[in-house]
C-alpha atoms as a PDB file:
ATOM      1  CA  MET A   1      68.717 148.896 -32.109  1.00  0.00           C
ATOM      2  CA  LYS A   2      72.260 149.821 -31.286  1.00  0.00           C
ATOM      3  CA  LEU A   3      74.685 150.348 -34.163  1.00  0.00           C
ATOM      4  CA  PHE A   4      78.433 149.794 -34.300  1.00  0.00           C
ATOM      5  CA  TYR A   5      80.813 151.280 -36.898  1.00  0.00           C
ATOM      6  CA  VAL A   6      84.070 149.948 -38.254  1.00  0.00           C
ATOM      7  CA  TYR A   7      85.953 152.867 -39.765  1.00  0.00           C
ATOM      8  CA  ILE A   8      89.100 153.877 -41.516  1.00  0.00           C
ATOM      9  CA  LEU A   9      90.691 157.291 -41.011  1.00  0.00           C
ATOM     10  CA  LYS A  10      93.304 158.849 -43.278  1.00  0.00           C
ATOM     11  CA  CYS A  11      95.875 160.668 -41.176  1.00  0.00           C
ATOM     12  CA  LYS A  12      97.864 163.795 -42.021  1.00  0.00           C
ATOM     13  CA  ASP A  13     100.883 161.646 -42.801  1.00  0.00           C
ATOM     14  CA  ASP A  14      98.790 159.599 -45.282  1.00  0.00           C
ATOM     15  CA  SER A  15      98.725 156.544 -42.958  1.00  0.00           C
ATOM     16  CA  PHE A  16      95.480 154.745 -42.146  1.00  0.00           C
ATOM     17  CA  TYR A  17      93.905 154.101 -38.755  1.00  0.00           C
ATOM     18  CA  THR A  18      91.185 151.464 -38.341  1.00  0.00           C
ATOM     19  CA  GLY A  19      88.856 151.499 -35.378  1.00  0.00           C
ATOM     20  CA  ILE A  20      85.393 150.616 -34.042  1.00  0.00           C
ATOM     21  CA  THR A  21      82.849 152.756 -32.250  1.00  0.00           C
ATOM     22  CA  ASN A  22      79.157 153.154 -31.474  1.00  0.00           C
ATOM     23  CA  SER A  23      79.179 156.890 -32.462  1.00  0.00           C
ATOM     24  CA  ILE A  24      81.145 157.754 -35.588  1.00  0.00           C
ATOM     25  CA  GLU A  25      80.572 161.536 -35.225  1.00  0.00           C
ATOM     26  CA  ARG A  26      81.844 161.543 -31.564  1.00  0.00           C
ATOM     27  CA  ARG A  27      84.821 159.274 -32.332  1.00  0.00           C
ATOM     28  CA  LEU A  28      85.930 161.411 -35.313  1.00  0.00           C
ATOM     29  CA  TYR A  29      85.679 164.502 -33.081  1.00  0.00           C
ATOM     30  CA  GLU A  30      87.771 162.793 -30.377  1.00  0.00           C
ATOM     31  CA  HIS A  31      90.455 161.778 -32.849  1.00  0.00           C
ATOM     32  CA  ASN A  32      90.786 165.305 -34.254  1.00  0.00           C
ATOM     33  CA  VAL A  33      90.701 167.027 -30.805  1.00  0.00           C
ATOM     34  CA  GLY A  34      93.502 164.724 -29.600  1.00  0.00           C
ATOM     35  CA  ILE A  35      92.235 163.507 -26.253  1.00  0.00           C
ATOM     36  CA  ASP A  36      94.889 160.838 -25.728  1.00  0.00           C
ATOM     37  CA  LYS A  37      98.497 161.946 -26.296  1.00  0.00           C
ATOM     38  CA  ASP A  38      99.561 158.257 -26.550  1.00  0.00           C
ATOM     39  CA  ALA A  39      96.982 157.526 -29.338  1.00  0.00           C
ATOM     40  CA  TYR A  40      98.200 156.664 -32.816  1.00  0.00           C
ATOM     41  CA  THR A  41      96.307 159.585 -34.344  1.00  0.00           C
ATOM     42  CA  TYR A  42      97.364 162.223 -31.858  1.00  0.00           C
ATOM     43  CA  SER A  43     100.484 163.333 -33.766  1.00  0.00           C
ATOM     44  CA  ARG A  44      98.896 162.610 -37.114  1.00  0.00           C
ATOM     45  CA  ARG A  45      96.000 165.038 -36.901  1.00  0.00           C
ATOM     46  CA  PRO A  46      93.921 166.178 -38.629  1.00  0.00           C
ATOM     47  CA  VAL A  47      92.339 162.909 -39.608  1.00  0.00           C
ATOM     48  CA  GLU A  48      89.641 162.344 -42.219  1.00  0.00           C
ATOM     49  CA  LEU A  49      86.994 159.629 -42.320  1.00  0.00           C
ATOM     50  CA  VAL A  50      87.483 157.791 -45.578  1.00  0.00           C
ATOM     51  CA  TRP A  51      85.449 154.616 -45.048  1.00  0.00           C
ATOM     52  CA  PHE A  52      82.970 153.064 -42.610  1.00  0.00           C
ATOM     53  CA  GLU A  53      80.485 150.237 -42.355  1.00  0.00           C
ATOM     54  CA  MET A  54      77.631 149.775 -39.883  1.00  0.00           C
ATOM     55  CA  PHE A  55      76.845 146.644 -37.941  1.00  0.00           C
ATOM     56  CA  THR A  56      74.131 145.662 -35.508  1.00  0.00           C
ATOM     57  CA  ASP A  57      76.137 142.759 -34.118  1.00  0.00           C
ATOM     58  CA  PRO A  58      79.127 143.938 -32.032  1.00  0.00           C
ATOM     59  CA  THR A  59      80.912 140.593 -32.386  1.00  0.00           C
ATOM     60  CA  GLN A  60      80.769 140.847 -36.186  1.00  0.00           C
ATOM     61  CA  ALA A  61      82.017 144.461 -36.062  1.00  0.00           C
ATOM     62  CA  ILE A  62      85.019 143.417 -33.915  1.00  0.00           C
ATOM     63  CA  MET A  63      85.812 140.613 -36.278  1.00  0.00           C
ATOM     64  CA  VAL A  64      85.829 142.913 -39.286  1.00  0.00           C
ATOM     65  CA  GLU A  65      87.891 145.533 -37.490  1.00  0.00           C
ATOM     66  CA  LYS A  66      90.513 142.966 -36.615  1.00  0.00           C
ATOM     67  CA  LYS A  67      90.544 141.663 -40.204  1.00  0.00           C
ATOM     68  CA  ILE A  68      91.010 145.079 -41.753  1.00  0.00           C
ATOM     69  CA  LYS A  69      93.751 145.984 -39.274  1.00  0.00           C
ATOM     70  CA  GLY A  70      95.780 143.019 -40.584  1.00  0.00           C
ATOM     71  CA  TRP A  71      95.461 144.163 -44.246  1.00  0.00           C
ATOM     72  CA  SER A  72      98.117 145.855 -46.291  1.00  0.00           C
ATOM     73  CA  ARG A  73      97.833 149.570 -47.047  1.00  0.00           C
ATOM     74  CA  ARG A  74      97.005 148.812 -50.718  1.00  0.00           C
ATOM     75  CA  LYS A  75      94.238 146.453 -49.714  1.00  0.00           C
ATOM     76  CA  LYS A  76      92.707 149.037 -47.397  1.00  0.00           C
ATOM     77  CA  GLN A  77      92.968 151.650 -50.255  1.00  0.00           C
ATOM     78  CA  ALA A  78      91.139 149.201 -52.582  1.00  0.00           C
ATOM     79  CA  LEU A  79      88.344 148.905 -50.010  1.00  0.00           C
ATOM     80  CA  ILE A  80      88.157 152.659 -49.636  1.00  0.00           C
ATOM     81  CA  ASP A  81      88.089 153.086 -53.429  1.00  0.00           C
ATOM     82  CA  GLU A  82      85.545 150.281 -53.766  1.00  0.00           C
ATOM     83  CA  ASP A  83      87.869 148.654 -56.268  1.00  0.00           C
ATOM     84  CA  TRP A  84      86.691 145.052 -55.837  1.00  0.00           C
ATOM     85  CA  ASP A  85      89.040 143.615 -58.498  1.00  0.00           C
ATOM     86  CA  LYS A  86      92.079 144.942 -56.707  1.00  0.00           C
ATOM     87  CA  LEU A  87      90.663 143.945 -53.305  1.00  0.00           C
ATOM     88  CA  VAL A  88      90.429 140.350 -54.548  1.00  0.00           C
ATOM     89  CA  ARG A  89      93.853 140.482 -56.173  1.00  0.00           C
ATOM     90  CA  TYR A  90      95.462 141.832 -53.027  1.00  0.00           C
ATOM     91  CA  SER A  91      93.826 139.127 -50.980  1.00  0.00           C
ATOM     92  CA  LYS A  92      95.743 136.403 -52.780  1.00  0.00           C
ATOM     93  CA  ASN A  93      98.861 134.775 -51.336  1.00  0.00           C
ATOM     94  CA  TYR A  94     101.991 136.945 -52.059  1.00  0.00           C
ATOM     95  CA  THR A  95     104.132 133.834 -52.468  1.00  0.00           C
ATOM     96  CA  GLN A  96     101.840 132.571 -55.242  1.00  0.00           C
ATOM     97  CA  PHE A  97     101.064 135.861 -56.967  1.00  0.00           C
ATOM     98  CA  GLY A  98     103.848 138.280 -56.033  1.00  0.00           C
ATOM     99  CA  LYS A  99     103.764 141.803 -54.649  1.00  0.00           C
ATOM    100  CA  GLU A 100     102.293 143.525 -57.694  1.00  0.00           C
ATOM    101  CA  ASP A 101     100.847 147.021 -57.553  1.00  0.00           C
END
């Protein structure tokens, strides 16, 4: 059974990078070595793996990656921290609930 990983890296500049891979160890190594000079993480190394989830269905993994990429920084941080109350709160419509911290 092939596994797919959706992951979040914390970069040196405290930004987050979200990606997908079939080998988390290899991909983390590639990010930190800096294979592609045009890559988001290249100038933000070193990077640290702060969250990941495994999937057996590549389509589901891609959907989750795209969803997380669209999230705010604070919502990603709530996921990393496993703070489910904040994750729910940050999922609500800003126009209805405001941009609270």
